[in-house]
């Protein structure tokens, strides 16, 4: 998985927002608001981690079981793919 480099993460008023720029600013009408967990996953994608690595890190960070972390990670990544924020 790779990030679409035409989205940038910004912190605004204690919220995390993915903002489109470049051609995406024309094609994608809006912004994506992330919570702390979404921000964590987005940042993990910088190292091109796979879903299993991200889930393991999430489980350790948030004190949840790996299966729950993996299910949540998969769901979040699928929504990012649908929005064009990441690619396979």
PDB file of N, CA and C in Angstrom:
ATOM      1  N   UNK A   1       0.833  -1.178   0.000  1.00  0.00           N
ATOM      2  CA  UNK A   1       0.000   0.000   0.000  1.00  0.00           C
ATOM      3  C   UNK A   1       0.876   1.240   0.000  1.00  0.00           C
ATOM      4  N   UNK A   2       0.456   2.190  -0.773  1.00  0.00           N
ATOM      5  CA  UNK A   2       1.180   3.451  -0.816  1.00  0.00           C
ATOM      6  C   UNK A   2       0.201   4.600  -0.705  1.00  0.00           C
ATOM      7  N   UNK A   3       0.644   5.633  -0.027  1.00  0.00           N
ATOM      8  CA  UNK A   3      -0.170   6.843   0.086  1.00  0.00           C
ATOM      9  C   UNK A   3      -0.236   7.553  -1.255  1.00  0.00           C
ATOM     10  N   UNK A   4      -1.361   8.173  -1.501  1.00  0.00           N
ATOM     11  CA  UNK A   4      -1.485   9.091  -2.615  1.00  0.00           C
ATOM     12  C   UNK A   4      -0.849  10.397  -2.144  1.00  0.00           C
ATOM     13  N   UNK A   5       0.224  10.804  -2.774  1.00  0.00           N
ATOM     14  CA  UNK A   5       0.965  11.982  -2.335  1.00  0.00           C
ATOM     15  C   UNK A   5       0.230  13.288  -2.580  1.00  0.00           C
ATOM     16  N   UNK A   6      -0.988  13.199  -3.138  1.00  0.00           N
ATOM     17  CA  UNK A   6      -1.780  14.404  -3.322  1.00  0.00           C
ATOM     18  C   UNK A   6      -2.791  14.594  -2.187  1.00  0.00           C
ATOM     19  N   UNK A   7      -2.536  13.917  -1.063  1.00  0.00           N
ATOM     20  CA  UNK A   7      -3.259  14.165   0.183  1.00  0.00           C
ATOM     21  C   UNK A   7      -2.214  14.463   1.256  1.00  0.00           C
ATOM     22  N   UNK A   8      -2.490  15.457   2.065  1.00  0.00           N
ATOM     23  CA  UNK A   8      -1.559  15.833   3.121  1.00  0.00           C
ATOM     24  C   UNK A   8      -2.315  15.886   4.447  1.00  0.00           C
ATOM     25  N   UNK A   9      -1.676  15.418   5.507  1.00  0.00           N
ATOM     26  CA  UNK A   9      -2.266  15.416   6.840  1.00  0.00           C
ATOM     27  C   UNK A   9      -1.953  16.733   7.527  1.00  0.00           C
ATOM     28  N   UNK A  10      -2.979  17.366   8.077  1.00  0.00           N
ATOM     29  CA  UNK A  10      -2.817  18.606   8.833  1.00  0.00           C
ATOM     30  C   UNK A  10      -3.594  18.494  10.131  1.00  0.00           C
ATOM     31  N   UNK A  11      -3.077  19.145  11.170  1.00  0.00           N
ATOM     32  CA  UNK A  11      -3.790  19.230  12.436  1.00  0.00           C
ATOM     33  C   UNK A  11      -4.408  20.619  12.519  1.00  0.00           C
ATOM     34  N   UNK A  12      -5.714  20.641  12.727  1.00  0.00           N
ATOM     35  CA  UNK A  12      -6.439  21.908  12.809  1.00  0.00           C
ATOM     36  C   UNK A  12      -7.423  21.825  13.967  1.00  0.00           C
ATOM     37  N   UNK A  13      -7.259  22.711  14.920  1.00  0.00           N
ATOM     38  CA  UNK A  13      -8.172  22.780  16.066  1.00  0.00           C
ATOM     39  C   UNK A  13      -8.351  21.406  16.722  1.00  0.00           C
ATOM     40  N   UNK A  14      -7.253  20.761  17.042  1.00  0.00           N
ATOM     41  CA  UNK A  14      -7.245  19.457  17.705  1.00  0.00           C
ATOM     42  C   UNK A  14      -7.901  18.341  16.893  1.00  0.00           C
ATOM     43  N   UNK A  15      -8.006  18.515  15.594  1.00  0.00           N
ATOM     44  CA  UNK A  15      -8.525  17.494  14.690  1.00  0.00           C
ATOM     45  C   UNK A  15      -7.466  17.215  13.638  1.00  0.00           C
ATOM     46  N   UNK A  16      -7.509  16.038  13.079  1.00  0.00           N
ATOM     47  CA  UNK A  16      -6.581  15.664  12.010  1.00  0.00           C
ATOM     48  C   UNK A  16      -7.372  15.578  10.714  1.00  0.00           C
ATOM     49  N   UNK A  17      -6.852  16.232   9.691  1.00  0.00           N
ATOM     50  CA  UNK A  17      -7.576  16.340   8.433  1.00  0.00           C
ATOM     51  C   UNK A  17      -6.653  15.970   7.284  1.00  0.00           C
ATOM     52  N   UNK A  18      -7.163  15.125   6.378  1.00  0.00           N
ATOM     53  CA  UNK A  18      -6.467  14.845   5.128  1.00  0.00           C
ATOM     54  C   UNK A  18      -7.015  15.816   4.087  1.00  0.00           C
ATOM     55  N   UNK A  19      -6.131  16.640   3.580  1.00  0.00           N
ATOM     56  CA  UNK A  19      -6.519  17.642   2.588  1.00  0.00           C
ATOM     57  C   UNK A  19      -5.995  17.235   1.221  1.00  0.00           C
ATOM     58  N   UNK A  20      -6.851  17.289   0.210  1.00  0.00           N
ATOM     59  CA  UNK A  20      -6.376  17.017  -1.149  1.00  0.00           C
ATOM     60  C   UNK A  20      -5.710  18.258  -1.729  1.00  0.00           C
ATOM     61  N   UNK A  21      -4.752  18.054  -2.604  1.00  0.00           N
ATOM     62  CA  UNK A  21      -4.171  19.170  -3.344  1.00  0.00           C
ATOM     63  C   UNK A  21      -3.816  18.675  -4.733  1.00  0.00           C
ATOM     64  N   UNK A  22      -3.332  19.565  -5.569  1.00  0.00           N
ATOM     65  CA  UNK A  22      -3.037  19.178  -6.942  1.00  0.00           C
ATOM     66  C   UNK A  22      -4.317  18.800  -7.658  1.00  0.00           C
ATOM     67  N   UNK A  23      -4.228  17.818  -8.541  1.00  0.00           N
ATOM     68  CA  UNK A  23      -5.404  17.366  -9.289  1.00  0.00           C
ATOM     69  C   UNK A  23      -6.486  16.841  -8.355  1.00  0.00           C
ATOM     70  N   UNK A  24      -6.080  16.243  -7.228  1.00  0.00           N
ATOM     71  CA  UNK A  24      -7.067  15.719  -6.279  1.00  0.00           C
ATOM     72  C   UNK A  24      -7.960  16.798  -5.711  1.00  0.00           C
ATOM     73  N   UNK A  25      -7.449  18.004  -5.574  1.00  0.00           N
ATOM     74  CA  UNK A  25      -8.273  19.096  -5.055  1.00  0.00           C
ATOM     75  C   UNK A  25      -9.437  19.375  -6.000  1.00  0.00           C
ATOM     76  N   UNK A  26      -9.231  19.137  -7.293  1.00  0.00           N
ATOM     77  CA  UNK A  26     -10.298  19.332  -8.271  1.00  0.00           C
ATOM     78  C   UNK A  26     -11.244  18.131  -8.304  1.00  0.00           C
ATOM     79  N   UNK A  27     -10.682  16.924  -8.153  1.00  0.00           N
ATOM     80  CA  UNK A  27     -11.463  15.700  -8.265  1.00  0.00           C
ATOM     81  C   UNK A  27     -12.175  15.308  -6.971  1.00  0.00           C
ATOM     82  N   UNK A  28     -11.555  15.602  -5.837  1.00  0.00           N
ATOM     83  CA  UNK A  28     -12.090  15.203  -4.539  1.00  0.00           C
ATOM     84  C   UNK A  28     -12.683  16.434  -3.876  1.00  0.00           C
ATOM     85  N   UNK A  29     -13.980  16.444  -3.722  1.00  0.00           N
ATOM     86  CA  UNK A  29     -14.650  17.615  -3.184  1.00  0.00           C
ATOM     87  C   UNK A  29     -14.854  17.458  -1.685  1.00  0.00           C
ATOM     88  N   UNK A  30     -13.914  17.937  -0.883  1.00  0.00           N
ATOM     89  CA  UNK A  30     -14.046  17.849   0.560  1.00  0.00           C
ATOM     90  C   UNK A  30     -12.728  17.551   1.236  1.00  0.00           C
ATOM     91  N   UNK A  31     -12.820  17.174   2.496  1.00  0.00           N
ATOM     92  CA  UNK A  31     -11.668  16.769   3.295  1.00  0.00           C
ATOM     93  C   UNK A  31     -12.059  15.504   4.050  1.00  0.00           C
ATOM     94  N   UNK A  32     -11.073  14.832   4.602  1.00  0.00           N
ATOM     95  CA  UNK A  32     -11.316  13.636   5.406  1.00  0.00           C
ATOM     96  C   UNK A  32     -10.824  13.920   6.811  1.00  0.00           C
ATOM     97  N   UNK A  33     -11.705  13.782   7.781  1.00  0.00           N
ATOM     98  CA  UNK A  33     -11.347  14.001   9.174  1.00  0.00           C
ATOM     99  C   UNK A  33     -10.953  12.669   9.797  1.00  0.00           C
ATOM    100  N   UNK A  34      -9.820  12.658  10.483  1.00  0.00           N
ATOM    101  CA  UNK A  34      -9.319  11.448  11.129  1.00  0.00           C
ATOM    102  C   UNK A  34      -9.327  11.626  12.639  1.00  0.00           C
ATOM    103  N   UNK A  35      -9.542  10.530  13.346  1.00  0.00           N
ATOM    104  CA  UNK A  35      -9.336  10.546  14.786  1.00  0.00           C
ATOM    105  C   UNK A  35      -7.874  10.155  15.056  1.00  0.00           C
ATOM    106  N   UNK A  36      -7.523  10.006  16.301  1.00  0.00           N
ATOM    107  CA  UNK A  36      -6.142   9.674  16.672  1.00  0.00           C
ATOM    108  C   UNK A  36      -5.708   8.340  16.051  1.00  0.00           C
ATOM    109  N   UNK A  37      -6.607   7.371  16.028  1.00  0.00           N
ATOM    110  CA  UNK A  37      -6.289   6.067  15.453  1.00  0.00           C
ATOM    111  C   UNK A  37      -6.080   6.162  13.946  1.00  0.00           C
ATOM    112  N   UNK A  38      -6.944   6.915  13.276  1.00  0.00           N
ATOM    113  CA  UNK A  38      -6.790   7.121  11.841  1.00  0.00           C
ATOM    114  C   UNK A  38      -5.475   7.795  11.517  1.00  0.00           C
ATOM    115  N   UNK A  39      -5.104   8.767  12.327  1.00  0.00           N
ATOM    116  CA  UNK A  39      -3.814   9.455  12.152  1.00  0.00           C
ATOM    117  C   UNK A  39      -2.670   8.453  12.328  1.00  0.00           C
ATOM    118  N   UNK A  40      -2.771   7.603  13.321  1.00  0.00           N
ATOM    119  CA  UNK A  40      -1.743   6.591  13.582  1.00  0.00           C
ATOM    120  C   UNK A  40      -1.568   5.678  12.370  1.00  0.00           C
ATOM    121  N   UNK A  41      -2.681   5.195  11.817  1.00  0.00           N
ATOM    122  CA  UNK A  41      -2.605   4.314  10.653  1.00  0.00           C
ATOM    123  C   UNK A  41      -2.023   5.062   9.461  1.00  0.00           C
ATOM    124  N   UNK A  42      -2.477   6.279   9.220  1.00  0.00           N
ATOM    125  CA  UNK A  42      -1.966   7.087   8.106  1.00  0.00           C
ATOM    126  C   UNK A  42      -0.450   7.228   8.216  1.00  0.00           C
ATOM    127  N   UNK A  43       0.036   7.511   9.406  1.00  0.00           N
ATOM    128  CA  UNK A  43       1.479   7.675   9.602  1.00  0.00           C
ATOM    129  C   UNK A  43       2.219   6.354   9.452  1.00  0.00           C
ATOM    130  N   UNK A  44       1.606   5.245   9.829  1.00  0.00           N
ATOM    131  CA  UNK A  44       2.236   3.930   9.647  1.00  0.00           C
ATOM    132  C   UNK A  44       2.423   3.626   8.161  1.00  0.00           C
ATOM    133  N   UNK A  45       1.571   4.183   7.323  1.00  0.00           N
ATOM    134  CA  UNK A  45       1.696   3.955   5.887  1.00  0.00           C
ATOM    135  C   UNK A  45       2.946   4.609   5.311  1.00  0.00           C
ATOM    136  N   UNK A  46       3.554   5.546   6.045  1.00  0.00           N
ATOM    137  CA  UNK A  46       4.808   6.159   5.594  1.00  0.00           C
ATOM    138  C   UNK A  46       5.906   5.116   5.425  1.00  0.00           C
ATOM    139  N   UNK A  47       5.898   4.121   6.286  1.00  0.00           N
ATOM    140  CA  UNK A  47       6.933   3.087   6.230  1.00  0.00           C
ATOM    141  C   UNK A  47       6.504   1.923   5.334  1.00  0.00           C
ATOM    142  N   UNK A  48       5.404   2.118   4.605  1.00  0.00           N
ATOM    143  CA  UNK A  48       4.860   1.089   3.714  1.00  0.00           C
ATOM    144  C   UNK A  48       4.626  -0.227   4.454  1.00  0.00           C
ATOM    145  N   UNK A  49       4.159  -0.118   5.684  1.00  0.00           N
ATOM    146  CA  UNK A  49       3.834  -1.301   6.477  1.00  0.00           C
ATOM    147  C   UNK A  49       2.636  -2.017   5.886  1.00  0.00           C
ATOM    148  N   UNK A  50       2.608  -3.337   6.075  1.00  0.00           N
ATOM    149  CA  UNK A  50       1.425  -4.062   5.623  1.00  0.00           C
ATOM    150  C   UNK A  50       0.393  -4.096   6.751  1.00  0.00           C
ATOM    151  N   UNK A  51      -0.773  -4.637   6.442  1.00  0.00           N
ATOM    152  CA  UNK A  51      -1.888  -4.608   7.394  1.00  0.00           C
ATOM    153  C   UNK A  51      -1.542  -5.343   8.682  1.00  0.00           C
ATOM    154  N   UNK A  52      -0.846  -6.459   8.591  1.00  0.00           N
ATOM    155  CA  UNK A  52      -0.502  -7.220   9.789  1.00  0.00           C
ATOM    156  C   UNK A  52       0.420  -6.424  10.721  1.00  0.00           C
ATOM    157  N   UNK A  53       1.377  -5.727  10.149  1.00  0.00           N
ATOM    158  CA  UNK A  53       2.292  -4.906  10.955  1.00  0.00           C
ATOM    159  C   UNK A  53       1.526  -3.761  11.619  1.00  0.00           C
ATOM    160  N   UNK A  54       0.679  -3.105  10.845  1.00  0.00           N
ATOM    161  CA  UNK A  54      -0.108  -1.998  11.398  1.00  0.00           C
ATOM    162  C   UNK A  54      -1.013  -2.504  12.521  1.00  0.00           C
ATOM    163  N   UNK A  55      -1.676  -3.634  12.307  1.00  0.00           N
ATOM    164  CA  UNK A  55      -2.565  -4.195  13.336  1.00  0.00           C
ATOM    165  C   UNK A  55      -1.802  -4.543  14.604  1.00  0.00           C
ATOM    166  N   UNK A  56      -0.618  -5.119  14.453  1.00  0.00           N
ATOM    167  CA  UNK A  56       0.190  -5.469  15.630  1.00  0.00           C
ATOM    168  C   UNK A  56       0.580  -4.206  16.408  1.00  0.00           C
ATOM    169  N   UNK A  57       0.989  -3.172  15.685  1.00  0.00           N
ATOM    170  CA  UNK A  57       1.344  -1.899  16.331  1.00  0.00           C
ATOM    171  C   UNK A  57       0.132  -1.261  17.013  1.00  0.00           C
ATOM    172  N   UNK A  58      -1.022  -1.327  16.363  1.00  0.00           N
ATOM    173  CA  UNK A  58      -2.243  -0.773  16.957  1.00  0.00           C
ATOM    174  C   UNK A  58      -2.621  -1.522  18.225  1.00  0.00           C
ATOM    175  N   UNK A  59      -2.542  -2.845  18.173  1.00  0.00           N
ATOM    176  CA  UNK A  59      -2.877  -3.648  19.350  1.00  0.00           C
ATOM    177  C   UNK A  59      -1.986  -3.275  20.528  1.00  0.00           C
ATOM    178  N   UNK A  60      -0.706  -3.111  20.269  1.00  0.00           N
ATOM    179  CA  UNK A  60       0.227  -2.743  21.333  1.00  0.00           C
ATOM    180  C   UNK A  60      -0.047  -1.329  21.850  1.00  0.00           C
ATOM    181  N   UNK A  61      -0.290  -0.405  20.945  1.00  0.00           N
ATOM    182  CA  UNK A  61      -0.484   0.997  21.337  1.00  0.00           C
ATOM    183  C   UNK A  61      -1.779   1.210  22.110  1.00  0.00           C
ATOM    184  N   UNK A  62      -2.857   0.565  21.652  1.00  0.00           N
ATOM    185  CA  UNK A  62      -4.172   0.827  22.229  1.00  0.00           C
ATOM    186  C   UNK A  62      -4.668  -0.265  23.177  1.00  0.00           C
ATOM    187  N   UNK A  63      -3.863  -1.301  23.392  1.00  0.00           N
ATOM    188  CA  UNK A  63      -4.226  -2.341  24.346  1.00  0.00           C
ATOM    189  C   UNK A  63      -5.446  -3.150  23.934  1.00  0.00           C
ATOM    190  N   UNK A  64      -5.528  -3.463  22.643  1.00  0.00           N
ATOM    191  CA  UNK A  64      -6.625  -4.285  22.141  1.00  0.00           C
ATOM    192  C   UNK A  64      -6.044  -5.559  21.529  1.00  0.00           C
ATOM    193  N   UNK A  65      -6.918  -6.537  21.271  1.00  0.00           N
ATOM    194  CA  UNK A  65      -6.406  -7.772  20.682  1.00  0.00           C
ATOM    195  C   UNK A  65      -6.110  -7.556  19.195  1.00  0.00           C
ATOM    196  N   UNK A  66      -5.210  -8.368  18.661  1.00  0.00           N
ATOM    197  CA  UNK A  66      -4.756  -8.189  17.283  1.00  0.00           C
ATOM    198  C   UNK A  66      -5.859  -8.429  16.256  1.00  0.00           C
ATOM    199  N   UNK A  67      -6.784  -9.329  16.561  1.00  0.00           N
ATOM    200  CA  UNK A  67      -7.868  -9.595  15.615  1.00  0.00           C
ATOM    201  C   UNK A  67      -8.759  -8.362  15.454  1.00  0.00           C
ATOM    202  N   UNK A  68      -9.112  -7.725  16.556  1.00  0.00           N
ATOM    203  CA  UNK A  68      -9.908  -6.499  16.497  1.00  0.00           C
ATOM    204  C   UNK A  68      -9.136  -5.407  15.777  1.00  0.00           C
ATOM    205  N   UNK A  69      -7.863  -5.284  16.109  1.00  0.00           N
ATOM    206  CA  UNK A  69      -7.025  -4.273  15.458  1.00  0.00           C
ATOM    207  C   UNK A  69      -6.954  -4.512  13.952  1.00  0.00           C
ATOM    208  N   UNK A  70      -6.825  -5.766  13.547  1.00  0.00           N
ATOM    209  CA  UNK A  70      -6.738  -6.071  12.115  1.00  0.00           C
ATOM    210  C   UNK A  70      -8.055  -5.770  11.404  1.00  0.00           C
ATOM    211  N   UNK A  71      -9.173  -6.167  12.012  1.00  0.00           N
ATOM    212  CA  UNK A  71     -10.476  -5.880  11.411  1.00  0.00           C
ATOM    213  C   UNK A  71     -10.694  -4.384  11.245  1.00  0.00           C
ATOM    214  N   UNK A  72     -10.355  -3.615  12.261  1.00  0.00           N
ATOM    215  CA  UNK A  72     -10.517  -2.165  12.197  1.00  0.00           C
ATOM    216  C   UNK A  72      -9.569  -1.544  11.166  1.00  0.00           C
ATOM    217  N   UNK A  73      -8.355  -2.056  11.109  1.00  0.00           N
ATOM    218  CA  UNK A  73      -7.380  -1.553  10.147  1.00  0.00           C
ATOM    219  C   UNK A  73      -7.838  -1.812   8.719  1.00  0.00           C
ATOM    220  N   UNK A  74      -8.307  -3.029   8.455  1.00  0.00           N
ATOM    221  CA  UNK A  74      -8.791  -3.375   7.117  1.00  0.00           C
ATOM    222  C   UNK A  74      -9.946  -2.461   6.723  1.00  0.00           C
ATOM    223  N   UNK A  75     -10.892  -2.247   7.615  1.00  0.00           N
ATOM    224  CA  UNK A  75     -12.047  -1.394   7.308  1.00  0.00           C
ATOM    225  C   UNK A  75     -11.605   0.036   7.011  1.00  0.00           C
ATOM    226  N   UNK A  76     -10.691   0.562   7.814  1.00  0.00           N
ATOM    227  CA  UNK A  76     -10.224   1.928   7.611  1.00  0.00           C
ATOM    228  C   UNK A  76      -9.456   2.054   6.297  1.00  0.00           C
ATOM    229  N   UNK A  77      -8.589   1.101   6.016  1.00  0.00           N
ATOM    230  CA  UNK A  77      -7.801   1.150   4.786  1.00  0.00           C
ATOM    231  C   UNK A  77      -8.700   1.033   3.560  1.00  0.00           C
ATOM    232  N   UNK A  78      -9.727   0.219   3.638  1.00  0.00           N
ATOM    233  CA  UNK A  78     -10.678   0.118   2.520  1.00  0.00           C
ATOM    234  C   UNK A  78     -11.360   1.457   2.270  1.00  0.00           C
ATOM    235  N   UNK A  79     -11.711   2.168   3.334  1.00  0.00           N
ATOM    236  CA  UNK A  79     -12.348   3.477   3.141  1.00  0.00           C
ATOM    237  C   UNK A  79     -11.358   4.479   2.546  1.00  0.00           C
ATOM    238  N   UNK A  80     -10.085   4.394   2.931  1.00  0.00           N
ATOM    239  CA  UNK A  80      -9.076   5.274   2.334  1.00  0.00           C
ATOM    240  C   UNK A  80      -8.878   4.954   0.859  1.00  0.00           C
ATOM    241  N   UNK A  81      -8.938   3.670   0.507  1.00  0.00           N
ATOM    242  CA  UNK A  81      -8.823   3.273  -0.902  1.00  0.00           C
ATOM    243  C   UNK A  81      -9.998   3.820  -1.705  1.00  0.00           C
ATOM    244  N   UNK A  82     -11.201   3.700  -1.154  1.00  0.00           N
ATOM    245  CA  UNK A  82     -12.397   4.206  -1.848  1.00  0.00           C
ATOM    246  C   UNK A  82     -12.304   5.708  -2.102  1.00  0.00           C
ATOM    247  N   UNK A  83     -11.680   6.418  -1.176  1.00  0.00           N
ATOM    248  CA  UNK A  83     -11.539   7.872  -1.311  1.00  0.00           C
ATOM    249  C   UNK A  83     -10.316   8.259  -2.145  1.00  0.00           C
ATOM    250  N   UNK A  84      -9.530   7.270  -2.571  1.00  0.00           N
ATOM    251  CA  UNK A  84      -8.372   7.551  -3.400  1.00  0.00           C
ATOM    252  C   UNK A  84      -7.151   8.042  -2.638  1.00  0.00           C
ATOM    253  N   UNK A  85      -7.146   7.837  -1.320  1.00  0.00           N
ATOM    254  CA  UNK A  85      -6.029   8.303  -0.498  1.00  0.00           C
ATOM    255  C   UNK A  85      -4.835   7.361  -0.514  1.00  0.00           C
ATOM    256  N   UNK A  86      -5.097   6.084  -0.799  1.00  0.00           N
ATOM    257  CA  UNK A  86      -4.015   5.107  -0.881  1.00  0.00           C
ATOM    258  C   UNK A  86      -4.250   4.183  -2.058  1.00  0.00           C
ATOM    259  N   UNK A  87      -3.167   3.538  -2.487  1.00  0.00           N
ATOM    260  CA  UNK A  87      -3.188   2.585  -3.584  1.00  0.00           C
ATOM    261  C   UNK A  87      -2.595   1.276  -3.131  1.00  0.00           C
ATOM    262  N   UNK A  88      -2.934   0.193  -3.840  1.00  0.00           N
ATOM    263  CA  UNK A  88      -2.318  -1.103  -3.553  1.00  0.00           C
ATOM    264  C   UNK A  88      -0.905  -1.140  -4.081  1.00  0.00           C
TER     265      UNK A  88
END
